Amino acid sequence: MINAEENNKIKQLLATDASVAQQQQALSWLADYCEESYILNLPPSTVALAALKKFSNKIKADALLKRRAATVVKQYQLR
């Protein structure tokens, strides 16, 4: 189940008019969210991971942020 804050951060990350700083803040929040789920032994948010994967494949995005998003997806996806 997706909560409102998670939904807002996903929209912020994927927004075409978002600044790099806004995308970085959203990416950081989503990475922390995935880590908290992992620590609590909860399944990862599939919506958040899908958004991170989509962001990592965007053509017009900061390369460093794209690599960070790809790393988070790889680290927390179900195997």
N, C-alpha and C. Protein backbone atom coordinates (compact mmCIF):
# COMPACT_ATOMS: atom_id res chain seq x y z
N MET A 1 0.85 -1.18 0.00
CA MET A 1 0.00 0.00 0.00
C MET A 1 0.89 1.24 0.00
N ILE A 2 0.56 2.16 -0.85
CA ILE A 2 1.36 3.38 -0.99
C ILE A 2 0.79 4.47 -0.08
N ASN A 3 1.68 5.14 0.63
CA ASN A 3 1.20 6.23 1.48
C ASN A 3 1.37 7.56 0.76
N ALA A 4 0.78 8.60 1.32
CA ALA A 4 0.77 9.91 0.65
C ALA A 4 2.18 10.48 0.49
N GLU A 5 3.01 10.32 1.52
CA GLU A 5 4.36 10.88 1.43
C GLU A 5 5.19 10.15 0.36
N GLU A 6 5.05 8.84 0.31
CA GLU A 6 5.76 8.07 -0.72
C GLU A 6 5.29 8.51 -2.11
N ASN A 7 4.01 8.67 -2.28
CA ASN A 7 3.45 9.10 -3.55
C ASN A 7 3.99 10.48 -3.95
N ASN A 8 4.06 11.41 -3.00
CA ASN A 8 4.58 12.75 -3.28
C ASN A 8 6.05 12.70 -3.70
N LYS A 9 6.84 11.88 -3.03
CA LYS A 9 8.27 11.77 -3.37
C LYS A 9 8.46 11.13 -4.74
N ILE A 10 7.62 10.17 -5.08
CA ILE A 10 7.70 9.55 -6.41
C ILE A 10 7.37 10.58 -7.48
N LYS A 11 6.31 11.35 -7.26
CA LYS A 11 5.94 12.40 -8.22
C LYS A 11 7.06 13.43 -8.35
N GLN A 12 7.67 13.78 -7.22
CA GLN A 12 8.76 14.76 -7.22
C GLN A 12 9.96 14.22 -8.00
N LEU A 13 10.28 12.96 -7.81
CA LEU A 13 11.42 12.35 -8.50
C LEU A 13 11.19 12.30 -10.01
N LEU A 14 9.99 11.96 -10.42
CA LEU A 14 9.71 11.77 -11.84
C LEU A 14 9.23 13.02 -12.56
N ALA A 15 9.03 14.11 -11.82
CA ALA A 15 8.55 15.36 -12.44
C ALA A 15 9.56 15.88 -13.45
N THR A 16 9.07 16.27 -14.60
CA THR A 16 9.97 16.76 -15.65
C THR A 16 10.49 18.16 -15.33
N ASP A 17 9.77 18.90 -14.50
CA ASP A 17 10.18 20.27 -14.16
C ASP A 17 10.89 20.36 -12.81
N ALA A 18 11.23 19.24 -12.22
CA ALA A 18 11.89 19.24 -10.91
C ALA A 18 13.38 19.57 -11.08
N SER A 19 13.91 20.31 -10.14
CA SER A 19 15.34 20.62 -10.18
C SER A 19 16.14 19.40 -9.72
N VAL A 20 17.43 19.45 -9.95
CA VAL A 20 18.31 18.35 -9.53
C VAL A 20 18.27 18.22 -8.01
N ALA A 21 18.24 19.34 -7.30
CA ALA A 21 18.18 19.31 -5.83
C ALA A 21 16.89 18.64 -5.35
N GLN A 22 15.77 18.93 -6.00
CA GLN A 22 14.50 18.32 -5.63
C GLN A 22 14.53 16.82 -5.91
N GLN A 23 15.08 16.44 -7.05
CA GLN A 23 15.18 15.03 -7.39
C GLN A 23 16.12 14.31 -6.42
N GLN A 24 17.20 14.95 -6.04
CA GLN A 24 18.14 14.36 -5.09
C GLN A 24 17.48 14.14 -3.74
N GLN A 25 16.69 15.11 -3.30
CA GLN A 25 16.00 15.00 -2.01
C GLN A 25 14.99 13.87 -2.06
N ALA A 26 14.24 13.76 -3.15
CA ALA A 26 13.26 12.68 -3.29
C ALA A 26 13.94 11.32 -3.37
N LEU A 27 15.04 11.24 -4.11
CA LEU A 27 15.79 9.99 -4.23
C LEU A 27 16.34 9.56 -2.88
N SER A 28 16.85 10.50 -2.13
CA SER A 28 17.37 10.20 -0.80
C SER A 28 16.27 9.66 0.11
N TRP A 29 15.11 10.30 0.07
CA TRP A 29 13.98 9.85 0.89
C TRP A 29 13.55 8.44 0.50
N LEU A 30 13.44 8.18 -0.79
CA LEU A 30 13.02 6.86 -1.26
C LEU A 30 14.05 5.79 -0.92
N ALA A 31 15.32 6.12 -0.99
CA ALA A 31 16.37 5.17 -0.61
C ALA A 31 16.27 4.84 0.87
N ASP A 32 16.05 5.86 1.69
CA ASP A 32 15.89 5.64 3.14
C ASP A 32 14.64 4.80 3.42
N TYR A 33 13.59 5.05 2.67
CA TYR A 33 12.33 4.31 2.82
C TYR A 33 12.55 2.83 2.52
N CYS A 34 13.29 2.55 1.45
CA CYS A 34 13.59 1.15 1.10
C CYS A 34 14.46 0.51 2.17
N GLU A 35 15.42 1.26 2.68
CA GLU A 35 16.31 0.72 3.72
C GLU A 35 15.53 0.42 5.00
N GLU A 36 14.62 1.30 5.38
CA GLU A 36 13.81 1.07 6.58
C GLU A 36 12.95 -0.18 6.42
N SER A 37 12.38 -0.37 5.25
CA SER A 37 11.59 -1.58 5.00
C SER A 37 12.46 -2.82 5.13
N TYR A 38 13.67 -2.74 4.62
CA TYR A 38 14.60 -3.87 4.69
C TYR A 38 14.96 -4.18 6.14
N ILE A 39 15.25 -3.13 6.91
CA ILE A 39 15.63 -3.31 8.32
C ILE A 39 14.48 -3.93 9.11
N LEU A 40 13.26 -3.51 8.81
CA LEU A 40 12.09 -4.02 9.51
C LEU A 40 11.60 -5.36 8.94
N ASN A 41 12.35 -5.89 7.98
CA ASN A 41 12.04 -7.17 7.36
C ASN A 41 10.67 -7.15 6.67
N LEU A 42 10.36 -6.00 6.06
CA LEU A 42 9.13 -5.85 5.29
C LEU A 42 9.47 -5.95 3.81
N PRO A 43 8.52 -6.37 2.99
CA PRO A 43 8.81 -6.40 1.55
C PRO A 43 8.98 -4.97 1.04
N PRO A 44 9.86 -4.79 0.08
CA PRO A 44 10.07 -3.44 -0.44
C PRO A 44 8.84 -2.94 -1.19
N SER A 45 8.71 -1.64 -1.23
CA SER A 45 7.61 -1.03 -1.96
C SER A 45 7.85 -1.22 -3.45
N THR A 46 6.99 -1.98 -4.09
CA THR A 46 7.16 -2.23 -5.52
C THR A 46 6.93 -0.95 -6.33
N VAL A 47 6.06 -0.08 -5.83
CA VAL A 47 5.80 1.18 -6.52
C VAL A 47 7.05 2.07 -6.47
N ALA A 48 7.68 2.15 -5.30
CA ALA A 48 8.89 2.96 -5.16
C ALA A 48 10.02 2.39 -6.01
N LEU A 49 10.19 1.09 -6.00
CA LEU A 49 11.25 0.48 -6.80
C LEU A 49 11.00 0.66 -8.29
N ALA A 50 9.75 0.58 -8.70
CA ALA A 50 9.41 0.80 -10.12
C ALA A 50 9.71 2.24 -10.52
N ALA A 51 9.40 3.18 -9.63
CA ALA A 51 9.68 4.59 -9.92
C ALA A 51 11.18 4.84 -9.99
N LEU A 52 11.93 4.23 -9.10
CA LEU A 52 13.39 4.38 -9.11
C LEU A 52 13.98 3.77 -10.38
N LYS A 53 13.46 2.63 -10.80
CA LYS A 53 13.93 2.01 -12.04
C LYS A 53 13.61 2.88 -13.24
N LYS A 54 12.40 3.43 -13.25
CA LYS A 54 12.00 4.31 -14.35
C LYS A 54 12.91 5.54 -14.39
N PHE A 55 13.21 6.10 -13.21
CA PHE A 55 14.08 7.27 -13.15
C PHE A 55 15.49 6.93 -13.63
N SER A 56 15.99 5.77 -13.27
CA SER A 56 17.35 5.39 -13.66
C SER A 56 17.46 5.20 -15.17
N ASN A 57 16.34 5.00 -15.86
CA ASN A 57 16.34 4.83 -17.32
C ASN A 57 15.99 6.11 -18.07
N LYS A 58 15.71 7.20 -17.34
CA LYS A 58 15.37 8.46 -17.99
C LYS A 58 16.56 8.99 -18.76
N ILE A 59 16.29 9.58 -19.91
CA ILE A 59 17.35 10.15 -20.71
C ILE A 59 17.79 11.49 -20.14
N LYS A 60 16.83 12.32 -19.78
CA LYS A 60 17.15 13.66 -19.28
C LYS A 60 17.12 13.67 -17.76
N ALA A 61 18.15 13.12 -17.16
CA ALA A 61 18.30 13.14 -15.70
C ALA A 61 19.78 13.18 -15.38
N ASP A 62 20.10 13.68 -14.22
CA ASP A 62 21.49 13.77 -13.78
C ASP A 62 22.09 12.36 -13.71
N ALA A 63 23.27 12.18 -14.28
CA ALA A 63 23.89 10.86 -14.36
C ALA A 63 24.17 10.27 -12.99
N LEU A 64 24.62 11.09 -12.06
CA LEU A 64 24.92 10.60 -10.71
C LEU A 64 23.65 10.10 -10.02
N LEU A 65 22.55 10.84 -10.17
CA LEU A 65 21.28 10.44 -9.57
C LEU A 65 20.75 9.17 -10.23
N LYS A 66 20.93 9.05 -11.53
CA LYS A 66 20.49 7.85 -12.23
C LYS A 66 21.23 6.62 -11.72
N ARG A 67 22.55 6.75 -11.52
CA ARG A 67 23.34 5.63 -11.00
C ARG A 67 22.91 5.28 -9.58
N ARG A 68 22.64 6.30 -8.77
CA ARG A 68 22.20 6.06 -7.38
C ARG A 68 20.87 5.33 -7.37
N ALA A 69 19.94 5.74 -8.23
CA ALA A 69 18.63 5.09 -8.32
C ALA A 69 18.78 3.63 -8.74
N ALA A 70 19.64 3.38 -9.72
CA ALA A 70 19.87 2.00 -10.18
C ALA A 70 20.48 1.15 -9.07
N THR A 71 21.36 1.74 -8.29
CA THR A 71 21.98 1.02 -7.18
C THR A 71 20.95 0.64 -6.12
N VAL A 72 20.06 1.57 -5.81
CA VAL A 72 19.02 1.30 -4.80
C VAL A 72 18.10 0.19 -5.29
N VAL A 73 17.71 0.23 -6.56
CA VAL A 73 16.84 -0.82 -7.12
C VAL A 73 17.53 -2.17 -7.03
N LYS A 74 18.79 -2.22 -7.42
CA LYS A 74 19.54 -3.47 -7.40
C LYS A 74 19.68 -4.01 -5.97
N GLN A 75 19.89 -3.11 -5.03
CA GLN A 75 20.12 -3.51 -3.64
C GLN A 75 18.87 -4.03 -2.96
N TYR A 76 17.70 -3.43 -3.24
CA TYR A 76 16.50 -3.76 -2.48
C TYR A 76 15.44 -4.54 -3.25
N GLN A 77 15.65 -4.84 -4.51
CA GLN A 77 14.66 -5.61 -5.25
C GLN A 77 14.62 -7.04 -4.72
N LEU A 78 13.47 -7.66 -4.83
CA LEU A 78 13.34 -9.04 -4.38
C LEU A 78 14.10 -9.94 -5.35
N ARG A 79 14.79 -10.88 -4.79
CA ARG A 79 15.59 -11.78 -5.62
C ARG A 79 14.84 -13.06 -5.90
